[in-house]
Amino acid sequence: MTPLALLRINYRLLCFPLHLIEDVATAQLDDHDPIRLAYERFLVRCDRTAALHLGDTDAAERAQDLRRHILGVQLTIARRRRRIRQQRDADGAARMAQWEARQQHKERLRAAKVVSLFEYIESVPAP
């Protein structure tokens, strides 16, 4: 048995518990969970290293599939954050427009010398 074949066997033995952890433990976590994404990135690095140094095509395919999954999740997260930011910006613009409309209304009332009822009551001298 060549040393490279022996290393491949050892890597596959090492990989089994790592992928078992991925299947069992991280499956309990949400796809967007940072811990799960970090663990999946770790597995990608392990599989890429094995593919590069050991010529393991299965590891290369696993790394590519998992990387594609991670990129999809990251894209979903980025889109969600952008939607939230856009909604927050739209809400802020709407509040600013309402505030400006109130200010303009107050200015028009002052220009027309309209006094609110409470201001009138306070300005009338008590008998």
N, C-alpha and C. Protein backbone atom coordinates (compact mmCIF):
# COMPACT_ATOMS: atom_id res chain seq x y z
N MET A 1 0.85 -1.17 0.00
CA MET A 1 0.00 0.00 0.00
C MET A 1 0.90 1.24 0.00
N THR A 2 0.59 2.17 -0.86
CA THR A 2 1.41 3.38 -0.97
C THR A 2 1.08 4.34 0.16
N PRO A 3 2.02 5.22 0.49
CA PRO A 3 1.74 6.19 1.56
C PRO A 3 0.55 7.10 1.25
N LEU A 4 0.37 7.44 -0.03
CA LEU A 4 -0.75 8.30 -0.41
C LEU A 4 -2.08 7.60 -0.17
N ALA A 5 -2.14 6.31 -0.51
CA ALA A 5 -3.37 5.55 -0.28
C ALA A 5 -3.65 5.43 1.21
N LEU A 6 -2.59 5.26 1.99
CA LEU A 6 -2.75 5.17 3.45
C LEU A 6 -3.27 6.50 4.01
N LEU A 7 -2.75 7.60 3.50
CA LEU A 7 -3.23 8.91 3.94
C LEU A 7 -4.69 9.12 3.56
N ARG A 8 -5.07 8.67 2.37
CA ARG A 8 -6.49 8.79 1.95
C ARG A 8 -7.40 8.02 2.89
N ILE A 9 -6.99 6.82 3.26
CA ILE A 9 -7.80 6.01 4.18
C ILE A 9 -7.91 6.71 5.53
N ASN A 10 -6.78 7.23 6.02
CA ASN A 10 -6.81 7.94 7.31
C ASN A 10 -7.70 9.17 7.24
N TYR A 11 -7.64 9.88 6.11
CA TYR A 11 -8.50 11.06 5.97
C TYR A 11 -9.97 10.67 5.97
N ARG A 12 -10.30 9.61 5.27
CA ARG A 12 -11.71 9.17 5.24
C ARG A 12 -12.17 8.73 6.63
N LEU A 13 -11.29 8.11 7.39
CA LEU A 13 -11.63 7.73 8.76
C LEU A 13 -11.84 8.97 9.62
N LEU A 14 -11.00 9.98 9.42
CA LEU A 14 -11.14 11.24 10.16
C LEU A 14 -12.39 11.98 9.73
N CYS A 15 -12.69 11.91 8.45
CA CYS A 15 -13.84 12.64 7.89
C CYS A 15 -15.18 12.09 8.38
N PHE A 16 -15.24 10.81 8.63
CA PHE A 16 -16.51 10.21 9.02
C PHE A 16 -17.13 10.88 10.24
N PRO A 17 -16.41 11.04 11.36
CA PRO A 17 -17.04 11.73 12.50
C PRO A 17 -17.34 13.20 12.22
N LEU A 18 -16.49 13.85 11.41
CA LEU A 18 -16.74 15.26 11.10
C LEU A 18 -18.04 15.43 10.33
N HIS A 19 -18.26 14.58 9.34
CA HIS A 19 -19.50 14.66 8.57
C HIS A 19 -20.70 14.15 9.36
N LEU A 20 -20.46 13.24 10.27
CA LEU A 20 -21.53 12.79 11.16
C LEU A 20 -21.98 13.94 12.06
N ILE A 21 -21.01 14.69 12.57
CA ILE A 21 -21.35 15.87 13.38
C ILE A 21 -22.15 16.85 12.55
N GLU A 22 -21.73 17.03 11.30
CA GLU A 22 -22.46 17.95 10.41
C GLU A 22 -23.89 17.47 10.21
N ASP A 23 -24.06 16.19 9.96
CA ASP A 23 -25.40 15.66 9.69
C ASP A 23 -26.30 15.68 10.91
N VAL A 24 -25.74 15.40 12.08
CA VAL A 24 -26.57 15.27 13.28
C VAL A 24 -26.65 16.59 14.06
N ALA A 25 -25.51 17.11 14.47
CA ALA A 25 -25.50 18.28 15.36
C ALA A 25 -25.88 19.56 14.64
N THR A 26 -25.25 19.83 13.52
CA THR A 26 -25.54 21.10 12.86
C THR A 26 -26.89 21.09 12.16
N ALA A 27 -27.44 19.91 11.94
CA ALA A 27 -28.78 19.85 11.35
C ALA A 27 -29.82 20.42 12.32
N GLN A 28 -29.48 20.45 13.61
CA GLN A 28 -30.38 21.02 14.61
C GLN A 28 -30.36 22.55 14.55
N LEU A 29 -29.32 23.10 13.92
CA LEU A 29 -29.17 24.55 13.82
C LEU A 29 -29.80 25.05 12.53
N ASP A 30 -30.18 26.30 12.55
CA ASP A 30 -30.71 26.96 11.36
C ASP A 30 -29.61 27.10 10.31
N ASP A 31 -29.98 27.08 9.04
CA ASP A 31 -29.00 27.25 7.96
C ASP A 31 -28.23 28.55 8.08
N HIS A 32 -28.86 29.58 8.65
CA HIS A 32 -28.24 30.90 8.75
C HIS A 32 -27.45 31.07 10.04
N ASP A 33 -27.40 30.07 10.88
CA ASP A 33 -26.70 30.16 12.16
C ASP A 33 -25.19 30.32 11.91
N PRO A 34 -24.56 31.31 12.52
CA PRO A 34 -23.12 31.53 12.30
C PRO A 34 -22.25 30.33 12.69
N ILE A 35 -22.65 29.60 13.72
CA ILE A 35 -21.87 28.43 14.15
C ILE A 35 -21.90 27.37 13.06
N ARG A 36 -23.08 27.15 12.49
CA ARG A 36 -23.19 26.15 11.43
C ARG A 36 -22.38 26.56 10.20
N LEU A 37 -22.46 27.84 9.83
CA LEU A 37 -21.70 28.31 8.67
C LEU A 37 -20.20 28.18 8.91
N ALA A 38 -19.74 28.48 10.11
CA ALA A 38 -18.32 28.36 10.44
C ALA A 38 -17.87 26.91 10.36
N TYR A 39 -18.70 26.00 10.87
CA TYR A 39 -18.35 24.57 10.82
C TYR A 39 -18.32 24.09 9.38
N GLU A 40 -19.28 24.52 8.58
CA GLU A 40 -19.30 24.10 7.18
C GLU A 40 -18.08 24.65 6.43
N ARG A 41 -17.66 25.88 6.75
CA ARG A 41 -16.45 26.43 6.13
C ARG A 41 -15.22 25.61 6.52
N PHE A 42 -15.19 25.16 7.78
CA PHE A 42 -14.10 24.30 8.25
C PHE A 42 -14.07 23.01 7.44
N LEU A 43 -15.23 22.41 7.22
CA LEU A 43 -15.30 21.17 6.43
C LEU A 43 -14.85 21.40 4.99
N VAL A 44 -15.21 22.54 4.44
CA VAL A 44 -14.78 22.86 3.07
C VAL A 44 -13.26 22.93 3.01
N ARG A 45 -12.65 23.60 4.00
CA ARG A 45 -11.18 23.70 4.02
C ARG A 45 -10.55 22.33 4.14
N CYS A 46 -11.11 21.47 5.00
CA CYS A 46 -10.57 20.12 5.16
C CYS A 46 -10.67 19.34 3.84
N ASP A 47 -11.84 19.39 3.22
CA ASP A 47 -12.03 18.65 1.98
C ASP A 47 -11.17 19.20 0.85
N ARG A 48 -11.02 20.52 0.78
CA ARG A 48 -10.16 21.11 -0.26
C ARG A 48 -8.71 20.70 -0.06
N THR A 49 -8.28 20.67 1.19
CA THR A 49 -6.90 20.26 1.49
C THR A 49 -6.69 18.82 1.07
N ALA A 50 -7.64 17.97 1.41
CA ALA A 50 -7.53 16.56 1.02
C ALA A 50 -7.55 16.41 -0.49
N ALA A 51 -8.38 17.17 -1.16
CA ALA A 51 -8.45 17.10 -2.61
C ALA A 51 -7.14 17.54 -3.23
N LEU A 52 -6.54 18.58 -2.69
CA LEU A 52 -5.30 19.11 -3.24
C LEU A 52 -4.11 18.19 -2.98
N HIS A 53 -3.94 17.77 -1.75
CA HIS A 53 -2.75 17.02 -1.37
C HIS A 53 -2.88 15.52 -1.59
N LEU A 54 -4.09 15.00 -1.51
CA LEU A 54 -4.27 13.56 -1.64
C LEU A 54 -4.90 13.17 -2.98
N GLY A 55 -5.30 14.15 -3.73
CA GLY A 55 -5.93 13.84 -5.02
C GLY A 55 -7.28 13.15 -4.85
N ASP A 56 -7.96 13.47 -3.77
CA ASP A 56 -9.25 12.84 -3.45
C ASP A 56 -10.37 13.58 -4.20
N THR A 57 -10.90 12.96 -5.24
CA THR A 57 -11.96 13.61 -6.03
C THR A 57 -13.27 13.68 -5.27
N ASP A 58 -13.53 12.70 -4.41
CA ASP A 58 -14.76 12.75 -3.59
C ASP A 58 -14.74 13.95 -2.66
N ALA A 59 -13.59 14.20 -2.06
CA ALA A 59 -13.45 15.35 -1.16
C ALA A 59 -13.61 16.65 -1.95
N ALA A 60 -13.08 16.70 -3.16
CA ALA A 60 -13.22 17.90 -3.99
C ALA A 60 -14.68 18.15 -4.31
N GLU A 61 -15.44 17.11 -4.63
CA GLU A 61 -16.87 17.26 -4.92
C GLU A 61 -17.65 17.69 -3.69
N ARG A 62 -17.32 17.08 -2.53
CA ARG A 62 -17.99 17.48 -1.28
C ARG A 62 -17.72 18.94 -0.98
N ALA A 63 -16.45 19.36 -1.13
CA ALA A 63 -16.09 20.75 -0.86
C ALA A 63 -16.84 21.69 -1.79
N GLN A 64 -16.93 21.31 -3.05
CA GLN A 64 -17.62 22.16 -4.02
C GLN A 64 -19.12 22.25 -3.71
N ASP A 65 -19.74 21.13 -3.38
CA ASP A 65 -21.18 21.13 -3.05
C ASP A 65 -21.45 21.95 -1.79
N LEU A 66 -20.63 21.74 -0.78
CA LEU A 66 -20.83 22.46 0.47
C LEU A 66 -20.56 23.95 0.29
N ARG A 67 -19.57 24.29 -0.51
CA ARG A 67 -19.28 25.70 -0.77
C ARG A 67 -20.44 26.36 -1.51
N ARG A 68 -21.03 25.64 -2.45
CA ARG A 68 -22.19 26.16 -3.18
C ARG A 68 -23.35 26.41 -2.21
N HIS A 69 -23.56 25.48 -1.28
CA HIS A 69 -24.61 25.65 -0.27
C HIS A 69 -24.34 26.88 0.59
N ILE A 70 -23.10 27.04 1.05
CA ILE A 70 -22.73 28.19 1.89
C ILE A 70 -22.96 29.49 1.13
N LEU A 71 -22.56 29.53 -0.14
CA LEU A 71 -22.75 30.75 -0.92
C LEU A 71 -24.24 31.08 -1.08
N GLY A 72 -25.07 30.06 -1.26
CA GLY A 72 -26.52 30.28 -1.35
C GLY A 72 -27.08 30.86 -0.06
N VAL A 73 -26.64 30.32 1.06
CA VAL A 73 -27.09 30.83 2.37
C VAL A 73 -26.62 32.27 2.56
N GLN A 74 -25.36 32.55 2.22
CA GLN A 74 -24.84 33.91 2.37
C GLN A 74 -25.58 34.89 1.48
N LEU A 75 -25.96 34.45 0.29
CA LEU A 75 -26.73 35.31 -0.61
C LEU A 75 -28.11 35.61 -0.02
N THR A 76 -28.74 34.59 0.56
CA THR A 76 -30.04 34.77 1.20
C THR A 76 -29.93 35.76 2.37
N ILE A 77 -28.89 35.62 3.17
CA ILE A 77 -28.68 36.52 4.30
C ILE A 77 -28.47 37.95 3.81
N ALA A 78 -27.65 38.11 2.78
CA ALA A 78 -27.38 39.45 2.24
C ALA A 78 -28.65 40.08 1.68
N ARG A 79 -29.47 39.29 0.99
CA ARG A 79 -30.72 39.83 0.45
C ARG A 79 -31.66 40.24 1.57
N ARG A 80 -31.74 39.43 2.61
CA ARG A 80 -32.62 39.75 3.74
C ARG A 80 -32.16 41.04 4.42
N ARG A 81 -30.84 41.18 4.62
CA ARG A 81 -30.31 42.40 5.24
C ARG A 81 -30.58 43.62 4.38
N ARG A 82 -30.45 43.46 3.05
CA ARG A 82 -30.72 44.59 2.15
C ARG A 82 -32.19 45.00 2.21
N ARG A 83 -33.10 44.00 2.24
CA ARG A 83 -34.53 44.31 2.34
C ARG A 83 -34.83 45.04 3.65
N ILE A 84 -34.22 44.59 4.74
CA ILE A 84 -34.43 45.23 6.04
C ILE A 84 -33.92 46.67 6.00
N ARG A 85 -32.72 46.86 5.43
CA ARG A 85 -32.15 48.21 5.34
C ARG A 85 -33.02 49.11 4.47
N GLN A 86 -33.50 48.58 3.35
CA GLN A 86 -34.36 49.38 2.47
C GLN A 86 -35.67 49.74 3.17
N GLN A 87 -36.23 48.80 3.90
CA GLN A 87 -37.47 49.07 4.64
C GLN A 87 -37.24 50.12 5.71
N ARG A 88 -36.11 50.00 6.42
CA ARG A 88 -35.78 50.98 7.46
C ARG A 88 -35.58 52.37 6.85
N ASP A 89 -34.90 52.42 5.70
CA ASP A 89 -34.70 53.71 5.03
C ASP A 89 -36.03 54.30 4.55
N ALA A 90 -36.91 53.45 4.02
CA ALA A 90 -38.22 53.93 3.55
C ALA A 90 -39.05 54.42 4.73
N ASP A 91 -39.02 53.71 5.85
CA ASP A 91 -39.75 54.14 7.04
C ASP A 91 -39.22 55.49 7.54
N GLY A 92 -37.90 55.64 7.55
CA GLY A 92 -37.30 56.90 7.98
C GLY A 92 -37.68 58.05 7.06
N ALA A 93 -37.70 57.78 5.75
CA ALA A 93 -38.08 58.83 4.79
C ALA A 93 -39.55 59.21 4.98
N ALA A 94 -40.40 58.21 5.25
CA ALA A 94 -41.82 58.50 5.47
C ALA A 94 -42.01 59.33 6.73
N ARG A 95 -41.30 58.98 7.80
CA ARG A 95 -41.40 59.76 9.04
C ARG A 95 -40.89 61.19 8.84
N MET A 96 -39.81 61.33 8.08
CA MET A 96 -39.27 62.66 7.80
C MET A 96 -40.27 63.47 6.98
N ALA A 97 -40.92 62.85 6.01
CA ALA A 97 -41.91 63.56 5.20
C ALA A 97 -43.09 64.00 6.06
N GLN A 98 -43.53 63.14 6.98
CA GLN A 98 -44.63 63.51 7.88
C GLN A 98 -44.22 64.68 8.77
N TRP A 99 -43.00 64.64 9.31
CA TRP A 99 -42.52 65.71 10.17
C TRP A 99 -42.46 67.03 9.39
N GLU A 100 -41.93 66.97 8.16
CA GLU A 100 -41.84 68.17 7.33
C GLU A 100 -43.22 68.73 7.01
N ALA A 101 -44.19 67.83 6.74
CA ALA A 101 -45.55 68.27 6.45
C ALA A 101 -46.15 68.96 7.67
N ARG A 102 -45.91 68.42 8.88
CA ARG A 102 -46.41 69.06 10.10
C ARG A 102 -45.77 70.42 10.30
N GLN A 103 -44.47 70.51 10.04
CA GLN A 103 -43.78 71.79 10.19
C GLN A 103 -44.34 72.83 9.21
N GLN A 104 -44.57 72.42 7.97
CA GLN A 104 -45.14 73.34 6.98
C GLN A 104 -46.54 73.78 7.38
N HIS A 105 -47.32 72.84 7.92
CA HIS A 105 -48.67 73.16 8.38
C HIS A 105 -48.60 74.19 9.51
N LYS A 106 -47.69 74.00 10.46
CA LYS A 106 -47.54 74.95 11.56
C LYS A 106 -47.13 76.32 11.04
N GLU A 107 -46.23 76.32 10.07
CA GLU A 107 -45.80 77.59 9.49
C GLU A 107 -46.95 78.31 8.80
N ARG A 108 -47.79 77.57 8.09
CA ARG A 108 -48.95 78.18 7.43
C ARG A 108 -49.93 78.73 8.46
N LEU A 109 -50.11 78.03 9.57
CA LEU A 109 -51.00 78.51 10.62
C LEU A 109 -50.43 79.80 11.24
N ARG A 110 -49.13 79.83 11.49
CA ARG A 110 -48.51 81.03 12.05
C ARG A 110 -48.63 82.20 11.09
N ALA A 111 -48.45 81.92 9.82
CA ALA A 111 -48.54 82.99 8.81
C ALA A 111 -49.97 83.52 8.72
N ALA A 112 -50.94 82.65 8.93
CA ALA A 112 -52.34 83.07 8.88
C ALA A 112 -52.80 83.61 10.23
N LYS A 113 -51.89 83.60 11.22
CA LYS A 113 -52.18 84.08 12.57
C LYS A 113 -53.34 83.34 13.21
N VAL A 114 -53.32 82.03 12.96
CA VAL A 114 -54.32 81.16 13.59
C VAL A 114 -53.72 80.68 14.90
N VAL A 115 -54.48 80.80 15.96
CA VAL A 115 -54.01 80.41 17.28
C VAL A 115 -54.81 79.19 17.71
N SER A 116 -54.10 78.21 18.25
CA SER A 116 -54.83 77.03 18.71
C SER A 116 -55.66 77.39 19.93
N LEU A 117 -56.64 76.59 20.21
CA LEU A 117 -57.57 76.83 21.31
C LEU A 117 -56.82 76.93 22.63
N PHE A 118 -55.84 76.07 22.85
CA PHE A 118 -55.11 76.09 24.11
C PHE A 118 -54.29 77.36 24.26
N GLU A 119 -53.69 77.83 23.17
CA GLU A 119 -52.93 79.07 23.24
C GLU A 119 -53.87 80.24 23.53
N TYR A 120 -55.07 80.22 22.96
CA TYR A 120 -56.05 81.29 23.17
C TYR A 120 -56.49 81.32 24.63
N ILE A 121 -56.75 80.12 25.18
CA ILE A 121 -57.21 80.04 26.58
C ILE A 121 -56.14 80.56 27.50
N GLU A 122 -54.90 80.25 27.24
CA GLU A 122 -53.81 80.69 28.11
C GLU A 122 -53.58 82.20 28.00
N SER A 123 -53.87 82.77 26.85
CA SER A 123 -53.62 84.21 26.67
C SER A 123 -54.76 85.08 27.20
N VAL A 124 -55.94 84.51 27.41
CA VAL A 124 -57.06 85.29 27.94
C VAL A 124 -56.84 85.51 29.42
N PRO A 125 -56.94 86.77 29.89
CA PRO A 125 -56.72 87.05 31.32
C PRO A 125 -57.87 86.45 32.15
N ALA A 126 -57.53 85.98 33.28
CA ALA A 126 -58.51 85.40 34.20
C ALA A 126 -59.34 86.52 34.81
N PRO A 127 -60.66 86.33 34.97
CA PRO A 127 -61.51 87.38 35.55
C PRO A 127 -61.30 87.58 37.01
